[in-house]
PDB file of N, CA and C in Angstrom:
ATOM      1  N   MET A   1     -42.533  -8.694 -70.404  1.00  0.00           N
ATOM      2  CA  MET A   1     -41.902  -8.034 -71.532  1.00  0.00           C
ATOM      3  C   MET A   1     -40.500  -8.601 -71.720  1.00  0.00           C
ATOM      4  N   ALA A   2     -40.140  -8.876 -72.951  1.00  0.00           N
ATOM      5  CA  ALA A   2     -38.828  -9.435 -73.261  1.00  0.00           C
ATOM      6  C   ALA A   2     -37.752  -8.371 -73.086  1.00  0.00           C
ATOM      7  N   GLU A   3     -36.572  -8.826 -72.719  1.00  0.00           N
ATOM      8  CA  GLU A   3     -35.446  -7.920 -72.566  1.00  0.00           C
ATOM      9  C   GLU A   3     -35.012  -7.399 -73.932  1.00  0.00           C
ATOM     10  N   LYS A   4     -34.665  -6.132 -73.990  1.00  0.00           N
ATOM     11  CA  LYS A   4     -34.240  -5.522 -75.245  1.00  0.00           C
ATOM     12  C   LYS A   4     -32.819  -5.964 -75.562  1.00  0.00           C
ATOM     13  N   ALA A   5     -32.603  -6.394 -76.801  1.00  0.00           N
ATOM     14  CA  ALA A   5     -31.270  -6.779 -77.252  1.00  0.00           C
ATOM     15  C   ALA A   5     -30.614  -5.582 -77.920  1.00  0.00           C
ATOM     16  N   GLU A   6     -29.347  -5.373 -77.603  1.00  0.00           N
ATOM     17  CA  GLU A   6     -28.597  -4.257 -78.185  1.00  0.00           C
ATOM     18  C   GLU A   6     -27.249  -4.744 -78.687  1.00  0.00           C
ATOM     19  N   ILE A   7     -26.823  -4.173 -79.799  1.00  0.00           N
ATOM     20  CA  ILE A   7     -25.473  -4.401 -80.316  1.00  0.00           C
ATOM     21  C   ILE A   7     -24.846  -3.027 -80.467  1.00  0.00           C
ATOM     22  N   GLU A   8     -23.782  -2.789 -79.717  1.00  0.00           N
ATOM     23  CA  GLU A   8     -23.088  -1.504 -79.785  1.00  0.00           C
ATOM     24  C   GLU A   8     -21.848  -1.671 -80.655  1.00  0.00           C
ATOM     25  N   VAL A   9     -21.696  -0.787 -81.632  1.00  0.00           N
ATOM     26  CA  VAL A   9     -20.536  -0.799 -82.520  1.00  0.00           C
ATOM     27  C   VAL A   9     -19.626   0.332 -82.082  1.00  0.00           C
ATOM     28  N   ILE A  10     -18.389  -0.004 -81.720  1.00  0.00           N
ATOM     29  CA  ILE A  10     -17.420   0.984 -81.237  1.00  0.00           C
ATOM     30  C   ILE A  10     -16.245   1.004 -82.215  1.00  0.00           C
ATOM     31  N   ILE A  11     -15.976   2.167 -82.779  1.00  0.00           N
ATOM     32  CA  ILE A  11     -14.858   2.317 -83.711  1.00  0.00           C
ATOM     33  C   ILE A  11     -13.827   3.220 -83.058  1.00  0.00           C
ATOM     34  N   GLY A  12     -12.667   2.661 -82.799  1.00  0.00           N
ATOM     35  CA  GLY A  12     -11.603   3.402 -82.127  1.00  0.00           C
ATOM     36  C   GLY A  12     -10.883   4.344 -83.073  1.00  0.00           C
ATOM     37  N   PRO A  13     -10.072   5.248 -82.527  1.00  0.00           N
ATOM     38  CA  PRO A  13      -9.338   6.209 -83.348  1.00  0.00           C
ATOM     39  C   PRO A  13      -8.365   5.542 -84.317  1.00  0.00           C
ATOM     40  N   ASP A  14      -7.954   4.316 -83.997  1.00  0.00           N
ATOM     41  CA  ASP A  14      -7.049   3.573 -84.876  1.00  0.00           C
ATOM     42  C   ASP A  14      -7.812   2.754 -85.919  1.00  0.00           C
ATOM     43  N   GLY A  15      -9.147   2.863 -85.930  1.00  0.00           N
ATOM     44  CA  GLY A  15      -9.970   2.135 -86.888  1.00  0.00           C
ATOM     45  C   GLY A  15     -10.418   0.769 -86.414  1.00  0.00           C
ATOM     46  N   GLU A  16      -9.953   0.360 -85.237  1.00  0.00           N
ATOM     47  CA  GLU A  16     -10.366  -0.940 -84.710  1.00  0.00           C
ATOM     48  C   GLU A  16     -11.858  -0.907 -84.373  1.00  0.00           C
ATOM     49  N   VAL A  17     -12.568  -1.947 -84.806  1.00  0.00           N
ATOM     50  CA  VAL A  17     -14.006  -2.043 -84.576  1.00  0.00           C
ATOM     51  C   VAL A  17     -14.257  -3.080 -83.492  1.00  0.00           C
ATOM     52  N   ARG A  18     -15.087  -2.702 -82.531  1.00  0.00           N
ATOM     53  CA  ARG A  18     -15.435  -3.617 -81.440  1.00  0.00           C
ATOM     54  C   ARG A  18     -16.958  -3.666 -81.344  1.00  0.00           C
ATOM     55  N   LEU A  19     -17.486  -4.862 -81.163  1.00  0.00           N
ATOM     56  CA  LEU A  19     -18.923  -5.045 -80.993  1.00  0.00           C
ATOM     57  C   LEU A  19     -19.185  -5.507 -79.572  1.00  0.00           C
ATOM     58  N   GLU A  20     -20.143  -4.889 -78.918  1.00  0.00           N
ATOM     59  CA  GLU A  20     -20.550  -5.303 -77.580  1.00  0.00           C
ATOM     60  C   GLU A  20     -22.047  -5.558 -77.608  1.00  0.00           C
ATOM     61  N   THR A  21     -22.460  -6.679 -77.049  1.00  0.00           N
ATOM     62  CA  THR A  21     -23.881  -7.022 -77.034  1.00  0.00           C
ATOM     63  C   THR A  21     -24.423  -6.970 -75.615  1.00  0.00           C
ATOM     64  N   ARG A  22     -25.694  -6.662 -75.534  1.00  0.00           N
ATOM     65  CA  ARG A  22     -26.407  -6.701 -74.259  1.00  0.00           C
ATOM     66  C   ARG A  22     -27.787  -7.282 -74.534  1.00  0.00           C
ATOM     67  N   GLY A  23     -28.259  -8.106 -73.622  1.00  0.00           N
ATOM     68  CA  GLY A  23     -29.584  -8.691 -73.766  1.00  0.00           C
ATOM     69  C   GLY A  23     -29.628  -9.922 -74.650  1.00  0.00           C
ATOM     70  N   LEU A  24     -28.478 -10.390 -75.102  1.00  0.00           N
ATOM     71  CA  LEU A  24     -28.400 -11.624 -75.888  1.00  0.00           C
ATOM     72  C   LEU A  24     -27.643 -12.650 -75.062  1.00  0.00           C
ATOM     73  N   ARG A  25     -28.224 -13.814 -74.924  1.00  0.00           N
ATOM     74  CA  ARG A  25     -27.590 -14.846 -74.094  1.00  0.00           C
ATOM     75  C   ARG A  25     -27.223 -16.051 -74.933  1.00  0.00           C
ATOM     76  N   GLY A  26     -26.260 -16.795 -74.440  1.00  0.00           N
ATOM     77  CA  GLY A  26     -25.853 -18.012 -75.127  1.00  0.00           C
ATOM     78  C   GLY A  26     -25.304 -17.719 -76.507  1.00  0.00           C
ATOM     79  N   GLN A  27     -25.484 -18.649 -77.393  1.00  0.00           N
ATOM     80  CA  GLN A  27     -24.970 -18.554 -78.754  1.00  0.00           C
ATOM     81  C   GLN A  27     -25.636 -17.423 -79.544  1.00  0.00           C
ATOM     82  N   ALA A  28     -26.765 -16.896 -79.050  1.00  0.00           N
ATOM     83  CA  ALA A  28     -27.489 -15.838 -79.760  1.00  0.00           C
ATOM     84  C   ALA A  28     -26.604 -14.625 -80.029  1.00  0.00           C
ATOM     85  N   CYS A  29     -25.708 -14.276 -79.099  1.00  0.00           N
ATOM     86  CA  CYS A  29     -24.859 -13.101 -79.311  1.00  0.00           C
ATOM     87  C   CYS A  29     -23.900 -13.329 -80.481  1.00  0.00           C
ATOM     88  N   VAL A  30     -23.386 -14.533 -80.608  1.00  0.00           N
ATOM     89  CA  VAL A  30     -22.487 -14.859 -81.719  1.00  0.00           C
ATOM     90  C   VAL A  30     -23.277 -14.887 -83.024  1.00  0.00           C
ATOM     91  N   ASP A  31     -24.444 -15.525 -83.011  1.00  0.00           N
ATOM     92  CA  ASP A  31     -25.268 -15.636 -84.211  1.00  0.00           C
ATOM     93  C   ASP A  31     -25.701 -14.274 -84.734  1.00  0.00           C
ATOM     94  N   GLU A  32     -26.075 -13.372 -83.845  1.00  0.00           N
ATOM     95  CA  GLU A  32     -26.578 -12.055 -84.246  1.00  0.00           C
ATOM     96  C   GLU A  32     -25.477 -11.133 -84.758  1.00  0.00           C
ATOM     97  N   THR A  33     -24.224 -11.397 -84.417  1.00  0.00           N
ATOM     98  CA  THR A  33     -23.136 -10.498 -84.827  1.00  0.00           C
ATOM     99  C   THR A  33     -22.209 -11.102 -85.872  1.00  0.00           C
ATOM    100  N   LYS A  34     -22.411 -12.351 -86.247  1.00  0.00           N
ATOM    101  CA  LYS A  34     -21.437 -13.027 -87.115  1.00  0.00           C
ATOM    102  C   LYS A  34     -21.236 -12.349 -88.469  1.00  0.00           C
ATOM    103  N   ASP A  35     -22.262 -11.731 -89.023  1.00  0.00           N
ATOM    104  CA  ASP A  35     -22.126 -11.081 -90.327  1.00  0.00           C
ATOM    105  C   ASP A  35     -21.843  -9.585 -90.227  1.00  0.00           C
ATOM    106  N   LEU A  36     -21.975  -9.029 -89.054  1.00  0.00           N
ATOM    107  CA  LEU A  36     -21.851  -7.586 -88.893  1.00  0.00           C
ATOM    108  C   LEU A  36     -20.411  -7.091 -89.030  1.00  0.00           C
ATOM    109  N   LEU A  37     -19.479  -7.703 -88.352  1.00  0.00           N
ATOM    110  CA  LEU A  37     -18.096  -7.226 -88.395  1.00  0.00           C
ATOM    111  C   LEU A  37     -17.498  -7.342 -89.801  1.00  0.00           C
ATOM    112  N   PRO A  38     -17.642  -8.472 -90.487  1.00  0.00           N
ATOM    113  CA  PRO A  38     -17.134  -8.523 -91.862  1.00  0.00           C
ATOM    114  C   PRO A  38     -17.805  -7.484 -92.770  1.00  0.00           C
ATOM    115  N   ALA A  39     -19.093  -7.200 -92.544  1.00  0.00           N
ATOM    116  CA  ALA A  39     -19.794  -6.189 -93.334  1.00  0.00           C
ATOM    117  C   ALA A  39     -19.210  -4.798 -93.086  1.00  0.00           C
ATOM    118  N   LEU A  40     -18.632  -4.606 -91.911  1.00  0.00           N
ATOM    119  CA  LEU A  40     -17.991  -3.329 -91.579  1.00  0.00           C
ATOM    120  C   LEU A  40     -16.551  -3.271 -92.084  1.00  0.00           C
ATOM    121  N   GLY A  41     -16.107  -4.337 -92.734  1.00  0.00           N
ATOM    122  CA  GLY A  41     -14.762  -4.357 -93.299  1.00  0.00           C
ATOM    123  C   GLY A  41     -13.713  -4.891 -92.355  1.00  0.00           C
ATOM    124  N   GLY A  42     -14.130  -5.514 -91.282  1.00  0.00           N
ATOM    125  CA  GLY A  42     -13.176  -6.026 -90.301  1.00  0.00           C
ATOM    126  C   GLY A  42     -13.105  -7.540 -90.296  1.00  0.00           C
ATOM    127  N   ARG A  43     -12.264  -8.035 -89.444  1.00  0.00           N
ATOM    128  CA  ARG A  43     -12.174  -9.478 -89.222  1.00  0.00           C
ATOM    129  C   ARG A  43     -12.088  -9.702 -87.722  1.00  0.00           C
ATOM    130  N   ILE A  44     -12.480 -10.861 -87.295  1.00  0.00           N
ATOM    131  CA  ILE A  44     -12.490 -11.162 -85.862  1.00  0.00           C
ATOM    132  C   ILE A  44     -11.083 -11.564 -85.435  1.00  0.00           C
ATOM    133  N   ARG A  45     -10.515 -10.781 -84.541  1.00  0.00           N
ATOM    134  CA  ARG A  45      -9.190 -11.095 -83.988  1.00  0.00           C
ATOM    135  C   ARG A  45      -9.315 -11.824 -82.667  1.00  0.00           C
ATOM    136  N   SER A  46     -10.337 -11.477 -81.905  1.00  0.00           N
ATOM    137  CA  SER A  46     -10.549 -12.147 -80.627  1.00  0.00           C
ATOM    138  C   SER A  46     -12.013 -12.001 -80.237  1.00  0.00           C
ATOM    139  N   ARG A  47     -12.433 -12.842 -79.325  1.00  0.00           N
ATOM    140  CA  ARG A  47     -13.815 -12.781 -78.840  1.00  0.00           C
ATOM    141  C   ARG A  47     -13.786 -13.021 -77.331  1.00  0.00           C
ATOM    142  N   GLU A  48     -14.400 -12.122 -76.595  1.00  0.00           N
ATOM    143  CA  GLU A  48     -14.522 -12.268 -75.147  1.00  0.00           C
ATOM    144  C   GLU A  48     -15.971 -12.611 -74.826  1.00  0.00           C
ATOM    145  N   LYS A  49     -16.167 -13.693 -74.152  1.00  0.00           N
ATOM    146  CA  LYS A  49     -17.521 -14.098 -73.780  1.00  0.00           C
ATOM    147  C   LYS A  49     -17.844 -13.539 -72.396  1.00  0.00           C
ATOM    148  N   THR A  50     -18.995 -12.880 -72.312  1.00  0.00           N
ATOM    149  CA  THR A  50     -19.412 -12.288 -71.045  1.00  0.00           C
ATOM    150  C   THR A  50     -20.245 -13.287 -70.245  1.00  0.00           C
ATOM    151  N   ARG A  51     -20.631 -12.873 -69.081  1.00  0.00           N
ATOM    152  CA  ARG A  51     -21.472 -13.694 -68.215  1.00  0.00           C
ATOM    153  C   ARG A  51     -22.772 -14.089 -68.927  1.00  0.00           C
ATOM    154  N   GLU A  52     -23.315 -13.174 -69.730  1.00  0.00           N
ATOM    155  CA  GLU A  52     -24.562 -13.446 -70.454  1.00  0.00           C
ATOM    156  C   GLU A  52     -24.432 -14.627 -71.411  1.00  0.00           C
ATOM    157  N   TYR A  53     -23.240 -14.823 -71.966  1.00  0.00           N
ATOM    158  CA  TYR A  53     -23.029 -15.929 -72.900  1.00  0.00           C
ATOM    159  C   TYR A  53     -23.341 -17.276 -72.234  1.00  0.00           C
ATOM    160  N   TYR A  54     -23.017 -17.389 -70.967  1.00  0.00           N
ATOM    161  CA  TYR A  54     -23.176 -18.655 -70.261  1.00  0.00           C
ATOM    162  C   TYR A  54     -24.570 -18.829 -69.646  1.00  0.00           C
ATOM    163  N   GLN A  55     -25.451 -17.843 -69.820  1.00  0.00           N
ATOM    164  CA  GLN A  55     -26.827 -17.955 -69.338  1.00  0.00           C
ATOM    165  C   GLN A  55     -27.678 -18.621 -70.419  1.00  0.00           C
ATOM    166  N   GLN A  56     -28.875 -19.001 -70.040  1.00  0.00           N
ATOM    167  CA  GLN A  56     -29.774 -19.647 -70.982  1.00  0.00           C
ATOM    168  C   GLN A  56     -30.041 -18.714 -72.161  1.00  0.00           C
ATOM    169  N   GLU A  57     -30.012 -19.276 -73.346  1.00  0.00           N
ATOM    170  CA  GLU A  57     -30.180 -18.494 -74.564  1.00  0.00           C
ATOM    171  C   GLU A  57     -31.554 -17.857 -74.644  1.00  0.00           C
ATOM    172  N   THR A  58     -31.576 -16.629 -75.142  1.00  0.00           N
ATOM    173  CA  THR A  58     -32.847 -15.925 -75.346  1.00  0.00           C
ATOM    174  C   THR A  58     -33.241 -16.034 -76.808  1.00  0.00           C
ATOM    175  N   LYS A  59     -34.498 -15.940 -77.058  1.00  0.00           N
ATOM    176  CA  LYS A  59     -34.997 -15.936 -78.431  1.00  0.00           C
ATOM    177  C   LYS A  59     -35.119 -14.493 -78.882  1.00  0.00           C
ATOM    178  N   THR A  60     -34.635 -14.193 -80.058  1.00  0.00           N
ATOM    179  CA  THR A  60     -34.769 -12.838 -80.585  1.00  0.00           C
ATOM    180  C   THR A  60     -36.036 -12.764 -81.402  1.00  0.00           C
ATOM    181  N   GLY A  61     -36.482 -11.576 -81.660  1.00  0.00           N
ATOM    182  CA  GLY A  61     -37.674 -11.390 -82.457  1.00  0.00           C
ATOM    183  C   GLY A  61     -37.382 -11.485 -83.942  1.00  0.00           C
ATOM    184  N   ARG A  62     -36.183 -11.840 -84.285  1.00  0.00           N
ATOM    185  CA  ARG A  62     -35.751 -11.887 -85.667  1.00  0.00           C
ATOM    186  C   ARG A  62     -36.351 -13.098 -86.370  1.00  0.00           C
ATOM    187  N   THR A  63     -36.951 -12.852 -87.497  1.00  0.00           N
ATOM    188  CA  THR A  63     -37.504 -13.961 -88.278  1.00  0.00           C
ATOM    189  C   THR A  63     -37.094 -13.811 -89.717  1.00  0.00           C
ATOM    190  N   THR A  64     -37.049 -14.895 -90.405  1.00  0.00           N
ATOM    191  CA  THR A  64     -36.777 -14.869 -91.837  1.00  0.00           C
ATOM    192  C   THR A  64     -37.882 -15.630 -92.532  1.00  0.00           C
ATOM    193  N   SER A  65     -38.152 -15.256 -93.729  1.00  0.00           N
ATOM    194  CA  SER A  65     -39.174 -15.977 -94.472  1.00  0.00           C
ATOM    195  C   SER A  65     -38.609 -16.382 -95.823  1.00  0.00           C
ATOM    196  N   ARG A  66     -39.098 -17.481 -96.318  1.00  0.00           N
ATOM    197  CA  ARG A  66     -38.677 -17.973 -97.614  1.00  0.00           C
ATOM    198  C   ARG A  66     -39.859 -17.977 -98.544  1.00  0.00           C
ATOM    199  N   ARG A  67     -39.604 -17.590 -99.762  1.00  0.00           N
ATOM    200  CA  ARG A  67     -40.645 -17.644-100.788  1.00  0.00           C
ATOM    201  C   ARG A  67     -40.476 -18.920-101.571  1.00  0.00           C
ATOM    202  N   ARG A  68     -41.576 -19.483-101.923  1.00  0.00           N
ATOM    203  CA  ARG A  68     -41.522 -20.723-102.707  1.00  0.00           C
ATOM    204  C   ARG A  68     -41.954 -20.463-104.108  1.00  0.00           C
TER     205      ARG A  68
END
C-alpha cells in the first residue's frame, strides 16, 4: 500500500500561512504545493526542506487529462 500524502495548512493568529507536507518525497512536495499558497492569498517567504525532501521521490495518484 502506498504511503498517504498529506498537506497541512496552518494559519497563525497573525494571518501567516504555513504548509507542511507528509508522505511526499523529493521535488513532489514542492510540485504539489506550488499553487496552493498563492491561491490562499500568500506568497512564499521561505522554504524549509525536511528529511523527506532528500529521499527518493514518490509518485502521487494525481493525474491530469487533456481533451483533444
